[in-house]
Amino acid sequence: MCSLRDCLCIHLHARLRYLDVAYNNISDMPSNFATMKVLKYLSIGGNNIRYFGEEITSIRALEYLDISHNKLQVRIILQCSFIFW
């Protein structure tokens, strides 16, 4: 397994609009990938990614996102309140 920064010889450029790295045995996304503010298409399906951070929400131009067929783990935070009478 490798990370995206290890597998690709590209620099995450601010003008990148289309990125398809599906089925490349990628294990994680670089922390700075969210700096691609004009990215419209991101396909990272079919990899070994376990965690996908909230930084994706800062890419406002994103129209297509494929994260299927990864090893994503769902983190659920339950907030409980108990009221005793």
PDB file of N, CA and C in Angstrom:
ATOM      1  N   MET A   1       0.844  -1.184   0.000  1.00  0.00           N
ATOM      2  CA  MET A   1       0.000   0.000   0.000  1.00  0.00           C
ATOM      3  C   MET A   1       0.882   1.237   0.000  1.00  0.00           C
ATOM      4  N   CYS A   2       0.342   2.288  -0.546  1.00  0.00           N
ATOM      5  CA  CYS A   2       1.083   3.544  -0.583  1.00  0.00           C
ATOM      6  C   CYS A   2       0.124   4.698  -0.368  1.00  0.00           C
ATOM      7  N   SER A   3       0.690   5.842  -0.126  1.00  0.00           N
ATOM      8  CA  SER A   3      -0.144   7.028  -0.014  1.00  0.00           C
ATOM      9  C   SER A   3      -0.187   7.704  -1.374  1.00  0.00           C
ATOM     10  N   LEU A   4      -1.113   8.583  -1.557  1.00  0.00           N
ATOM     11  CA  LEU A   4      -1.233   9.291  -2.820  1.00  0.00           C
ATOM     12  C   LEU A   4       0.040  10.054  -3.140  1.00  0.00           C
ATOM     13  N   ARG A   5       0.642  10.672  -2.136  1.00  0.00           N
ATOM     14  CA  ARG A   5       1.865  11.436  -2.393  1.00  0.00           C
ATOM     15  C   ARG A   5       3.019  10.541  -2.803  1.00  0.00           C
ATOM     16  N   ASP A   6       3.000   9.253  -2.420  1.00  0.00           N
ATOM     17  CA  ASP A   6       4.027   8.317  -2.833  1.00  0.00           C
ATOM     18  C   ASP A   6       3.771   7.772  -4.237  1.00  0.00           C
ATOM     19  N   CYS A   7       2.511   7.575  -4.593  1.00  0.00           N
ATOM     20  CA  CYS A   7       2.162   6.937  -5.860  1.00  0.00           C
ATOM     21  C   CYS A   7       2.190   7.889  -7.044  1.00  0.00           C
ATOM     22  N   LEU A   8       1.927   9.132  -6.812  1.00  0.00           N
ATOM     23  CA  LEU A   8       1.825  10.070  -7.916  1.00  0.00           C
ATOM     24  C   LEU A   8       3.038  10.975  -7.990  1.00  0.00           C
ATOM     25  N   CYS A   9       3.388  11.328  -9.186  1.00  0.00           N
ATOM     26  CA  CYS A   9       4.504  12.257  -9.398  1.00  0.00           C
ATOM     27  C   CYS A   9       3.983  13.646  -9.743  1.00  0.00           C
ATOM     28  N   ILE A  10       2.776  13.942  -9.314  1.00  0.00           N
ATOM     29  CA  ILE A  10       2.215  15.260  -9.597  1.00  0.00           C
ATOM     30  C   ILE A  10       2.196  16.076  -8.322  1.00  0.00           C
ATOM     31  N   HIS A  11       2.300  17.337  -8.493  1.00  0.00           N
ATOM     32  CA  HIS A  11       2.152  18.251  -7.368  1.00  0.00           C
ATOM     33  C   HIS A  11       0.692  18.678  -7.365  1.00  0.00           C
ATOM     34  N   LEU A  12       0.061  18.665  -6.219  1.00  0.00           N
ATOM     35  CA  LEU A  12      -1.349  19.048  -6.154  1.00  0.00           C
ATOM     36  C   LEU A  12      -1.476  20.523  -6.463  1.00  0.00           C
ATOM     37  N   HIS A  13      -1.818  20.774  -7.670  1.00  0.00           N
ATOM     38  CA  HIS A  13      -1.848  22.131  -8.183  1.00  0.00           C
ATOM     39  C   HIS A  13      -3.196  22.800  -7.905  1.00  0.00           C
ATOM     40  N   ALA A  14      -3.152  24.063  -7.629  1.00  0.00           N
ATOM     41  CA  ALA A  14      -4.368  24.807  -7.280  1.00  0.00           C
ATOM     42  C   ALA A  14      -5.353  24.885  -8.442  1.00  0.00           C
ATOM     43  N   ARG A  15      -4.898  24.644  -9.668  1.00  0.00           N
ATOM     44  CA  ARG A  15      -5.778  24.742 -10.838  1.00  0.00           C
ATOM     45  C   ARG A  15      -6.299  23.398 -11.333  1.00  0.00           C
ATOM     46  N   LEU A  16      -5.973  22.329 -10.628  1.00  0.00           N
ATOM     47  CA  LEU A  16      -6.402  21.000 -11.029  1.00  0.00           C
ATOM     48  C   LEU A  16      -7.919  20.881 -10.916  1.00  0.00           C
ATOM     49  N   ARG A  17      -8.560  20.395 -11.983  1.00  0.00           N
ATOM     50  CA  ARG A  17     -10.018  20.276 -12.003  1.00  0.00           C
ATOM     51  C   ARG A  17     -10.507  18.837 -12.022  1.00  0.00           C
ATOM     52  N   TYR A  18      -9.679  17.915 -12.495  1.00  0.00           N
ATOM     53  CA  TYR A  18     -10.078  16.527 -12.668  1.00  0.00           C
ATOM     54  C   TYR A  18      -8.974  15.632 -12.116  1.00  0.00           C
ATOM     55  N   LEU A  19      -9.316  14.749 -11.182  1.00  0.00           N
ATOM     56  CA  LEU A  19      -8.328  13.835 -10.617  1.00  0.00           C
ATOM     57  C   LEU A  19      -8.958  12.458 -10.474  1.00  0.00           C
ATOM     58  N   ASP A  20      -8.410  11.491 -11.201  1.00  0.00           N
ATOM     59  CA  ASP A  20      -8.884  10.122 -11.142  1.00  0.00           C
ATOM     60  C   ASP A  20      -7.703   9.234 -10.773  1.00  0.00           C
ATOM     61  N   VAL A  21      -7.690   8.759  -9.543  1.00  0.00           N
ATOM     62  CA  VAL A  21      -6.654   7.850  -9.061  1.00  0.00           C
ATOM     63  C   VAL A  21      -7.296   6.576  -8.516  1.00  0.00           C
ATOM     64  N   ALA A  22      -8.399   6.179  -9.129  1.00  0.00           N
ATOM     65  CA  ALA A  22      -9.116   4.979  -8.708  1.00  0.00           C
ATOM     66  C   ALA A  22      -8.260   3.739  -8.956  1.00  0.00           C
ATOM     67  N   TYR A  23      -8.413   2.766  -8.068  1.00  0.00           N
ATOM     68  CA  TYR A  23      -7.754   1.458  -8.179  1.00  0.00           C
ATOM     69  C   TYR A  23      -6.235   1.583  -8.313  1.00  0.00           C
ATOM     70  N   ASN A  24      -5.630   2.287  -7.363  1.00  0.00           N
ATOM     71  CA  ASN A  24      -4.183   2.458  -7.345  1.00  0.00           C
ATOM     72  C   ASN A  24      -3.557   2.026  -6.028  1.00  0.00           C
ATOM     73  N   ASN A  25      -4.292   1.300  -5.207  1.00  0.00           N
ATOM     74  CA  ASN A  25      -3.775   0.794  -3.931  1.00  0.00           C
ATOM     75  C   ASN A  25      -3.331   1.922  -2.998  1.00  0.00           C
ATOM     76  N   ILE A  26      -4.029   3.035  -3.043  1.00  0.00           N
ATOM     77  CA  ILE A  26      -3.712   4.195  -2.211  1.00  0.00           C
ATOM     78  C   ILE A  26      -4.282   3.982  -0.816  1.00  0.00           C
ATOM     79  N   SER A  27      -3.486   4.300   0.202  1.00  0.00           N
ATOM     80  CA  SER A  27      -3.936   4.072   1.567  1.00  0.00           C
ATOM     81  C   SER A  27      -4.379   5.338   2.293  1.00  0.00           C
ATOM     82  N   ASP A  28      -3.931   6.489   1.846  1.00  0.00           N
ATOM     83  CA  ASP A  28      -4.389   7.734   2.473  1.00  0.00           C
ATOM     84  C   ASP A  28      -4.252   8.900   1.511  1.00  0.00           C
ATOM     85  N   MET A  29      -4.988   9.944   1.847  1.00  0.00           N
ATOM     86  CA  MET A  29      -4.958  11.165   1.041  1.00  0.00           C
ATOM     87  C   MET A  29      -4.038  12.161   1.724  1.00  0.00           C
ATOM     88  N   PRO A  30      -3.284  12.933   0.952  1.00  0.00           N
ATOM     89  CA  PRO A  30      -2.428  13.947   1.581  1.00  0.00           C
ATOM     90  C   PRO A  30      -3.282  15.009   2.256  1.00  0.00           C
ATOM     91  N   SER A  31      -2.779  15.564   3.322  1.00  0.00           N
ATOM     92  CA  SER A  31      -3.556  16.538   4.080  1.00  0.00           C
ATOM     93  C   SER A  31      -3.821  17.820   3.299  1.00  0.00           C
ATOM     94  N   ASN A  32      -3.005  18.102   2.301  1.00  0.00           N
ATOM     95  CA  ASN A  32      -3.172  19.347   1.555  1.00  0.00           C
ATOM     96  C   ASN A  32      -4.020  19.189   0.296  1.00  0.00           C
ATOM     97  N   PHE A  33      -4.651  18.040   0.089  1.00  0.00           N
ATOM     98  CA  PHE A  33      -5.427  17.891  -1.140  1.00  0.00           C
ATOM     99  C   PHE A  33      -6.625  18.832  -1.185  1.00  0.00           C
ATOM    100  N   ALA A  34      -7.069  19.304  -0.054  1.00  0.00           N
ATOM    101  CA  ALA A  34      -8.203  20.222  -0.010  1.00  0.00           C
ATOM    102  C   ALA A  34      -7.844  21.617  -0.495  1.00  0.00           C
ATOM    103  N   THR A  35      -6.581  21.857  -0.801  1.00  0.00           N
ATOM    104  CA  THR A  35      -6.184  23.168  -1.346  1.00  0.00           C
ATOM    105  C   THR A  35      -6.533  23.280  -2.819  1.00  0.00           C
ATOM    106  N   MET A  36      -7.006  22.208  -3.416  1.00  0.00           N
ATOM    107  CA  MET A  36      -7.407  22.228  -4.830  1.00  0.00           C
ATOM    108  C   MET A  36      -8.817  22.805  -4.932  1.00  0.00           C
ATOM    109  N   LYS A  37      -8.916  24.086  -4.821  1.00  0.00           N
ATOM    110  CA  LYS A  37     -10.210  24.768  -4.695  1.00  0.00           C
ATOM    111  C   LYS A  37     -11.097  24.687  -5.934  1.00  0.00           C
ATOM    112  N   VAL A  38     -10.534  24.434  -7.115  1.00  0.00           N
ATOM    113  CA  VAL A  38     -11.339  24.380  -8.337  1.00  0.00           C
ATOM    114  C   VAL A  38     -11.568  22.943  -8.813  1.00  0.00           C
ATOM    115  N   LEU A  39     -11.196  21.954  -7.980  1.00  0.00           N
ATOM    116  CA  LEU A  39     -11.390  20.557  -8.328  1.00  0.00           C
ATOM    117  C   LEU A  39     -12.877  20.259  -8.468  1.00  0.00           C
ATOM    118  N   LYS A  40     -13.270  19.705  -9.624  1.00  0.00           N
ATOM    119  CA  LYS A  40     -14.673  19.387  -9.879  1.00  0.00           C
ATOM    120  C   LYS A  40     -14.952  17.892  -9.825  1.00  0.00           C
ATOM    121  N   TYR A  41     -13.946  17.088 -10.142  1.00  0.00           N
ATOM    122  CA  TYR A  41     -14.128  15.643 -10.254  1.00  0.00           C
ATOM    123  C   TYR A  41     -13.028  14.955  -9.466  1.00  0.00           C
ATOM    124  N   LEU A  42     -13.406  14.112  -8.499  1.00  0.00           N
ATOM    125  CA  LEU A  42     -12.433  13.359  -7.714  1.00  0.00           C
ATOM    126  C   LEU A  42     -12.885  11.910  -7.626  1.00  0.00           C
ATOM    127  N   SER A  43     -12.087  11.019  -8.208  1.00  0.00           N
ATOM    128  CA  SER A  43     -12.386   9.603  -8.170  1.00  0.00           C
ATOM    129  C   SER A  43     -11.234   8.891  -7.474  1.00  0.00           C
ATOM    130  N   ILE A  44     -11.500   8.399  -6.263  1.00  0.00           N
ATOM    131  CA  ILE A  44     -10.498   7.662  -5.506  1.00  0.00           C
ATOM    132  C   ILE A  44     -11.059   6.310  -5.063  1.00  0.00           C
ATOM    133  N   GLY A  45     -12.038   5.821  -5.792  1.00  0.00           N
ATOM    134  CA  GLY A  45     -12.642   4.539  -5.481  1.00  0.00           C
ATOM    135  C   GLY A  45     -11.688   3.385  -5.727  1.00  0.00           C
ATOM    136  N   GLY A  46     -11.950   2.258  -5.084  1.00  0.00           N
ATOM    137  CA  GLY A  46     -11.177   1.053  -5.306  1.00  0.00           C
ATOM    138  C   GLY A  46      -9.771   1.091  -4.748  1.00  0.00           C
ATOM    139  N   ASN A  47      -9.573   1.810  -3.673  1.00  0.00           N
ATOM    140  CA  ASN A  47      -8.268   1.894  -3.027  1.00  0.00           C
ATOM    141  C   ASN A  47      -8.348   1.284  -1.634  1.00  0.00           C
ATOM    142  N   ASN A  48      -7.418   1.602  -0.785  1.00  0.00           N
ATOM    143  CA  ASN A  48      -7.386   1.075   0.580  1.00  0.00           C
ATOM    144  C   ASN A  48      -7.504   2.194   1.608  1.00  0.00           C
ATOM    145  N   ILE A  49      -8.223   3.228   1.259  1.00  0.00           N
ATOM    146  CA  ILE A  49      -8.359   4.381   2.143  1.00  0.00           C
ATOM    147  C   ILE A  49      -9.269   4.011   3.310  1.00  0.00           C
ATOM    148  N   ARG A  50      -8.800   4.271   4.514  1.00  0.00           N
ATOM    149  CA  ARG A  50      -9.572   3.952   5.725  1.00  0.00           C
ATOM    150  C   ARG A  50     -10.237   5.185   6.324  1.00  0.00           C
ATOM    151  N   TYR A  51      -9.653   6.332   6.096  1.00  0.00           N
ATOM    152  CA  TYR A  51     -10.188   7.557   6.696  1.00  0.00           C
ATOM    153  C   TYR A  51     -10.234   8.651   5.646  1.00  0.00           C
ATOM    154  N   PHE A  52     -11.323   9.365   5.621  1.00  0.00           N
ATOM    155  CA  PHE A  52     -11.498  10.483   4.701  1.00  0.00           C
ATOM    156  C   PHE A  52     -11.941  11.666   5.535  1.00  0.00           C
ATOM    157  N   GLY A  53     -11.100  12.671   5.643  1.00  0.00           N
ATOM    158  CA  GLY A  53     -11.345  13.779   6.547  1.00  0.00           C
ATOM    159  C   GLY A  53     -12.379  14.786   6.070  1.00  0.00           C
ATOM    160  N   GLU A  54     -12.737  15.662   6.966  1.00  0.00           N
ATOM    161  CA  GLU A  54     -13.722  16.693   6.683  1.00  0.00           C
ATOM    162  C   GLU A  54     -13.203  17.775   5.749  1.00  0.00           C
ATOM    163  N   GLU A  55     -11.895  17.775   5.467  1.00  0.00           N
ATOM    164  CA  GLU A  55     -11.339  18.809   4.591  1.00  0.00           C
ATOM    165  C   GLU A  55     -11.962  18.794   3.194  1.00  0.00           C
ATOM    166  N   ILE A  56     -12.587  17.679   2.822  1.00  0.00           N
ATOM    167  CA  ILE A  56     -13.253  17.606   1.521  1.00  0.00           C
ATOM    168  C   ILE A  56     -14.345  18.661   1.400  1.00  0.00           C
ATOM    169  N   THR A  57     -14.937  19.058   2.507  1.00  0.00           N
ATOM    170  CA  THR A  57     -16.021  20.040   2.470  1.00  0.00           C
ATOM    171  C   THR A  57     -15.538  21.432   2.099  1.00  0.00           C
ATOM    172  N   SER A  58     -14.240  21.657   2.126  1.00  0.00           N
ATOM    173  CA  SER A  58     -13.716  22.980   1.741  1.00  0.00           C
ATOM    174  C   SER A  58     -13.534  23.121   0.239  1.00  0.00           C
ATOM    175  N   ILE A  59     -13.715  22.032  -0.505  1.00  0.00           N
ATOM    176  CA  ILE A  59     -13.621  22.103  -1.971  1.00  0.00           C
ATOM    177  C   ILE A  59     -15.016  22.398  -2.504  1.00  0.00           C
ATOM    178  N   ARG A  60     -15.343  23.641  -2.596  1.00  0.00           N
ATOM    179  CA  ARG A  60     -16.705  24.069  -2.965  1.00  0.00           C
ATOM    180  C   ARG A  60     -17.083  23.751  -4.416  1.00  0.00           C
ATOM    181  N   ALA A  61     -16.105  23.641  -5.312  1.00  0.00           N
ATOM    182  CA  ALA A  61     -16.390  23.392  -6.723  1.00  0.00           C
ATOM    183  C   ALA A  61     -16.671  21.922  -7.015  1.00  0.00           C
ATOM    184  N   LEU A  62     -16.441  21.038  -6.048  1.00  0.00           N
ATOM    185  CA  LEU A  62     -16.557  19.599  -6.272  1.00  0.00           C
ATOM    186  C   LEU A  62     -17.978  19.207  -6.657  1.00  0.00           C
ATOM    187  N   GLU A  63     -18.098  18.560  -7.822  1.00  0.00           N
ATOM    188  CA  GLU A  63     -19.394  18.116  -8.325  1.00  0.00           C
ATOM    189  C   GLU A  63     -19.529  16.599  -8.320  1.00  0.00           C
ATOM    190  N   TYR A  64     -18.401  15.893  -8.398  1.00  0.00           N
ATOM    191  CA  TYR A  64     -18.419  14.434  -8.449  1.00  0.00           C
ATOM    192  C   TYR A  64     -17.379  13.893  -7.476  1.00  0.00           C
ATOM    193  N   LEU A  65     -17.776  12.964  -6.637  1.00  0.00           N
ATOM    194  CA  LEU A  65     -16.877  12.338  -5.678  1.00  0.00           C
ATOM    195  C   LEU A  65     -17.174  10.849  -5.620  1.00  0.00           C
ATOM    196  N   ASP A  66     -16.163  10.028  -5.930  1.00  0.00           N
ATOM    197  CA  ASP A  66     -16.310   8.584  -5.834  1.00  0.00           C
ATOM    198  C   ASP A  66     -15.311   8.076  -4.805  1.00  0.00           C
ATOM    199  N   ILE A  67     -15.819   7.598  -3.675  1.00  0.00           N
ATOM    200  CA  ILE A  67     -14.968   6.996  -2.648  1.00  0.00           C
ATOM    201  C   ILE A  67     -15.404   5.552  -2.395  1.00  0.00           C
ATOM    202  N   SER A  68     -16.102   4.972  -3.353  1.00  0.00           N
ATOM    203  CA  SER A  68     -16.604   3.607  -3.199  1.00  0.00           C
ATOM    204  C   SER A  68     -15.466   2.592  -3.206  1.00  0.00           C
ATOM    205  N   HIS A  69     -15.750   1.426  -2.672  1.00  0.00           N
ATOM    206  CA  HIS A  69     -14.814   0.293  -2.670  1.00  0.00           C
ATOM    207  C   HIS A  69     -13.481   0.635  -2.012  1.00  0.00           C
ATOM    208  N   ASN A  70     -13.549   1.286  -0.876  1.00  0.00           N
ATOM    209  CA  ASN A  70     -12.397   1.543  -0.028  1.00  0.00           C
ATOM    210  C   ASN A  70     -12.620   0.806   1.286  1.00  0.00           C
ATOM    211  N   LYS A  71     -11.770   1.013   2.236  1.00  0.00           N
ATOM    212  CA  LYS A  71     -11.899   0.375   3.545  1.00  0.00           C
ATOM    213  C   LYS A  71     -12.242   1.417   4.596  1.00  0.00           C
ATOM    214  N   LEU A  72     -13.171   2.284   4.239  1.00  0.00           N
ATOM    215  CA  LEU A  72     -13.532   3.383   5.127  1.00  0.00           C
ATOM    216  C   LEU A  72     -14.149   2.875   6.414  1.00  0.00           C
ATOM    217  N   GLN A  73     -13.767   3.507   7.497  1.00  0.00           N
ATOM    218  CA  GLN A  73     -14.324   3.198   8.796  1.00  0.00           C
ATOM    219  C   GLN A  73     -15.215   4.354   9.204  1.00  0.00           C
ATOM    220  N   VAL A  74     -16.402   4.039   9.621  1.00  0.00           N
ATOM    221  CA  VAL A  74     -17.353   5.057  10.024  1.00  0.00           C
ATOM    222  C   VAL A  74     -17.118   5.377  11.489  1.00  0.00           C
ATOM    223  N   ARG A  75     -16.973   6.653  11.760  1.00  0.00           N
ATOM    224  CA  ARG A  75     -16.825   7.093  13.147  1.00  0.00           C
ATOM    225  C   ARG A  75     -18.118   7.763  13.572  1.00  0.00           C
ATOM    226  N   ILE A  76     -18.752   7.164  14.534  1.00  0.00           N
ATOM    227  CA  ILE A  76     -20.016   7.703  15.018  1.00  0.00           C
ATOM    228  C   ILE A  76     -19.803   8.204  16.439  1.00  0.00           C
ATOM    229  N   ILE A  77     -20.156   9.426  16.649  1.00  0.00           N
ATOM    230  CA  ILE A  77     -20.065  10.003  17.984  1.00  0.00           C
ATOM    231  C   ILE A  77     -21.488  10.134  18.521  1.00  0.00           C
ATOM    232  N   LEU A  78     -21.752   9.432  19.579  1.00  0.00           N
ATOM    233  CA  LEU A  78     -23.068   9.494  20.196  1.00  0.00           C
ATOM    234  C   LEU A  78     -23.006  10.421  21.387  1.00  0.00           C
ATOM    235  N   GLN A  79     -23.942  11.305  21.412  1.00  0.00           N
ATOM    236  CA  GLN A  79     -24.017  12.237  22.528  1.00  0.00           C
ATOM    237  C   GLN A  79     -25.289  11.907  23.299  1.00  0.00           C
ATOM    238  N   CYS A  80     -25.114  11.493  24.515  1.00  0.00           N
ATOM    239  CA  CYS A  80     -26.256  11.061  25.315  1.00  0.00           C
ATOM    240  C   CYS A  80     -26.517  12.027  26.459  1.00  0.00           C
ATOM    241  N   SER A  81     -27.779  12.262  26.690  1.00  0.00           N
ATOM    242  CA  SER A  81     -28.187  13.078  27.826  1.00  0.00           C
ATOM    243  C   SER A  81     -29.180  12.271  28.649  1.00  0.00           C
ATOM    244  N   PHE A  82     -28.925  12.214  29.911  1.00  0.00           N
ATOM    245  CA  PHE A  82     -29.822  11.485  30.788  1.00  0.00           C
ATOM    246  C   PHE A  82     -30.503  12.477  31.715  1.00  0.00           C
ATOM    247  N   ILE A  83     -31.798  12.310  31.840  1.00  0.00           N
ATOM    248  CA  ILE A  83     -32.570  13.141  32.752  1.00  0.00           C
ATOM    249  C   ILE A  83     -33.188  12.209  33.783  1.00  0.00           C
ATOM    250  N   PHE A  84     -32.881  12.443  35.022  1.00  0.00           N
ATOM    251  CA  PHE A  84     -33.434  11.640  36.101  1.00  0.00           C
ATOM    252  C   PHE A  84     -34.487  12.438  36.829  1.00  0.00           C
ATOM    253  N   TRP A  85     -35.623  11.825  37.097  1.00  0.00           N
ATOM    254  CA  TRP A  85     -36.712  12.495  37.818  1.00  0.00           C
ATOM    255  C   TRP A  85     -36.725  12.038  39.227  1.00  0.00           C
TER     256      TRP A  85
END
